[in-house]
Amino acid sequence: MAPRDLSGKQIMRDIMENLRTATAEQIFDEMRRRGAVIADDTIWQYMMSLVVNLPPAWKHWPQLTDRFLFLREDGVYELYDEARHGRYDNGRLVPPSGTAT
C-alpha cells in the first residue's frame, strides 16, 4: 500500500512495529521518509493521542480505543505491551488485583 493510502495512525503503527522503540524525532523523521502527506502538527498529535500512559490524551481524545504507544520516563516511545508495561485505564496504571493502591 502506498503511504497516501494509509492513515497517519497506520503508518505510525507500522513504524513502531519495525523500530519497537524510538524518540519523537525518529518517529517524525520516519513518517516523513515514508512519504506521509500529513501536516507536522498532525504527526505530533498522533504521537500524543496514541500513548496509553498519558492521562491528558485520554481526556482530549476519548474516542480512541486502540492506543499502542508507551511513553517512557526518558521520553522514548515503545510499542505498548500490556504484559510488560501493565494495564492502563484512562492513562493511569491499573494495579494488579490483590495489590494495595
Protein backbone atom coordinates (compact mmCIF):
# COMPACT_ATOMS: atom_id res chain seq x y z
CA MET A 1 0.00 0.00 0.00
CA ALA A 2 1.33 3.42 -0.87
CA PRO A 3 1.76 5.91 2.00
CA ARG A 4 -1.08 8.03 0.62
CA ASP A 5 -3.41 5.04 1.07
CA LEU A 6 -2.55 4.61 4.76
CA SER A 7 -3.69 6.78 7.63
CA GLY A 8 -1.09 8.51 9.76
CA LYS A 9 -2.06 6.17 12.58
CA GLN A 10 -1.45 3.10 10.40
CA ILE A 11 1.92 4.43 9.26
CA MET A 12 2.90 5.17 12.87
CA ARG A 13 1.90 1.66 13.97
CA ASP A 14 3.98 0.16 11.17
CA ILE A 15 6.96 2.32 12.16
CA MET A 16 6.73 1.24 15.79
CA GLU A 17 6.25 -2.43 14.91
CA ASN A 18 9.51 -2.19 12.98
CA LEU A 19 11.53 0.00 15.35
CA ARG A 20 9.98 -1.15 18.69
CA THR A 21 11.49 1.93 20.43
CA ALA A 22 12.04 5.44 19.05
CA THR A 23 12.34 9.07 20.05
CA ALA A 24 9.69 11.52 18.89
CA GLU A 25 12.19 12.89 16.39
CA GLN A 26 12.87 9.41 14.98
CA ILE A 27 9.14 8.77 14.55
CA PHE A 28 8.65 12.16 12.91
CA ASP A 29 11.61 11.62 10.56
CA GLU A 30 10.41 8.13 9.66
CA MET A 31 6.90 9.43 8.90
CA ARG A 32 8.44 11.94 6.50
CA ARG A 33 10.83 9.37 5.00
CA ARG A 34 7.85 7.14 4.21
CA GLY A 35 6.18 10.00 2.41
CA ALA A 36 3.31 10.59 4.82
CA VAL A 37 1.35 13.55 3.49
CA ILE A 38 0.30 14.90 6.89
CA ALA A 39 0.80 18.30 8.50
CA ASP A 40 3.60 18.47 11.07
CA ASP A 41 1.16 19.31 13.88
CA THR A 42 -0.93 16.27 12.99
CA ILE A 43 2.08 13.96 13.36
CA TRP A 44 2.79 15.41 16.82
CA GLN A 45 -0.88 14.99 17.75
CA TYR A 46 -0.79 11.33 16.67
CA MET A 47 2.23 10.82 18.92
CA MET A 48 0.30 12.26 21.87
CA SER A 49 -3.09 10.71 21.20
CA LEU A 50 -1.84 7.14 20.84
CA VAL A 51 0.01 6.99 24.19
CA VAL A 52 -1.57 4.60 26.70
CA ASN A 53 0.08 6.20 29.76
CA LEU A 54 -0.74 9.87 29.17
CA PRO A 55 -3.94 10.88 31.04
CA PRO A 56 -4.45 14.19 29.16
CA ALA A 57 -4.51 12.26 25.87
CA TRP A 58 -7.40 10.14 27.18
CA LYS A 59 -9.31 13.31 28.09
CA HIS A 60 -8.59 15.06 24.80
CA TRP A 61 -9.17 12.04 22.52
CA PRO A 62 -11.66 9.84 24.45
CA GLN A 63 -12.94 8.20 21.27
CA LEU A 64 -9.64 6.40 20.60
CA THR A 65 -9.74 2.79 21.70
CA ASP A 66 -6.63 1.20 20.21
CA ARG A 67 -3.69 3.15 21.60
CA PHE A 68 -0.37 1.42 21.04
CA LEU A 69 2.40 3.75 22.22
CA PHE A 70 4.01 3.68 25.66
CA LEU A 71 5.96 6.79 26.68
CA ARG A 72 8.90 6.00 28.94
CA GLU A 73 10.18 8.40 31.60
CA ASP A 74 13.17 9.22 29.39
CA GLY A 75 10.87 10.43 26.60
CA VAL A 76 11.40 7.42 24.34
CA TYR A 77 8.35 5.74 22.83
CA GLU A 78 7.88 1.97 22.85
CA LEU A 79 5.32 -0.25 21.27
CA TYR A 80 2.91 -0.87 24.15
CA ASP A 81 2.81 -4.39 25.56
CA GLU A 82 0.32 -4.92 28.39
CA ALA A 83 2.25 -7.93 29.72
CA ARG A 84 5.40 -5.81 30.01
CA HIS A 85 4.06 -2.35 30.84
CA GLY A 86 0.90 -3.20 32.78
CA ARG A 87 -2.72 -2.37 32.07
CA TYR A 88 -3.75 1.25 31.73
CA ASP A 89 -7.15 2.85 32.08
CA ASN A 90 -7.61 6.50 31.13
CA GLY A 91 -3.85 6.89 31.08
CA ARG A 92 -3.28 5.55 34.59
CA LEU A 93 -1.67 2.27 35.56
CA VAL A 94 -4.20 -0.19 36.97
CA PRO A 95 -2.65 -2.08 39.90
CA PRO A 96 -2.77 -5.87 39.52
CA SER A 97 -5.64 -7.37 41.51
CA GLY A 98 -4.69 -8.26 45.05
CA THR A 99 -2.22 -5.38 45.45
CA ALA A 100 -2.66 -2.25 47.53
CA THR A 101 -3.27 1.04 45.72
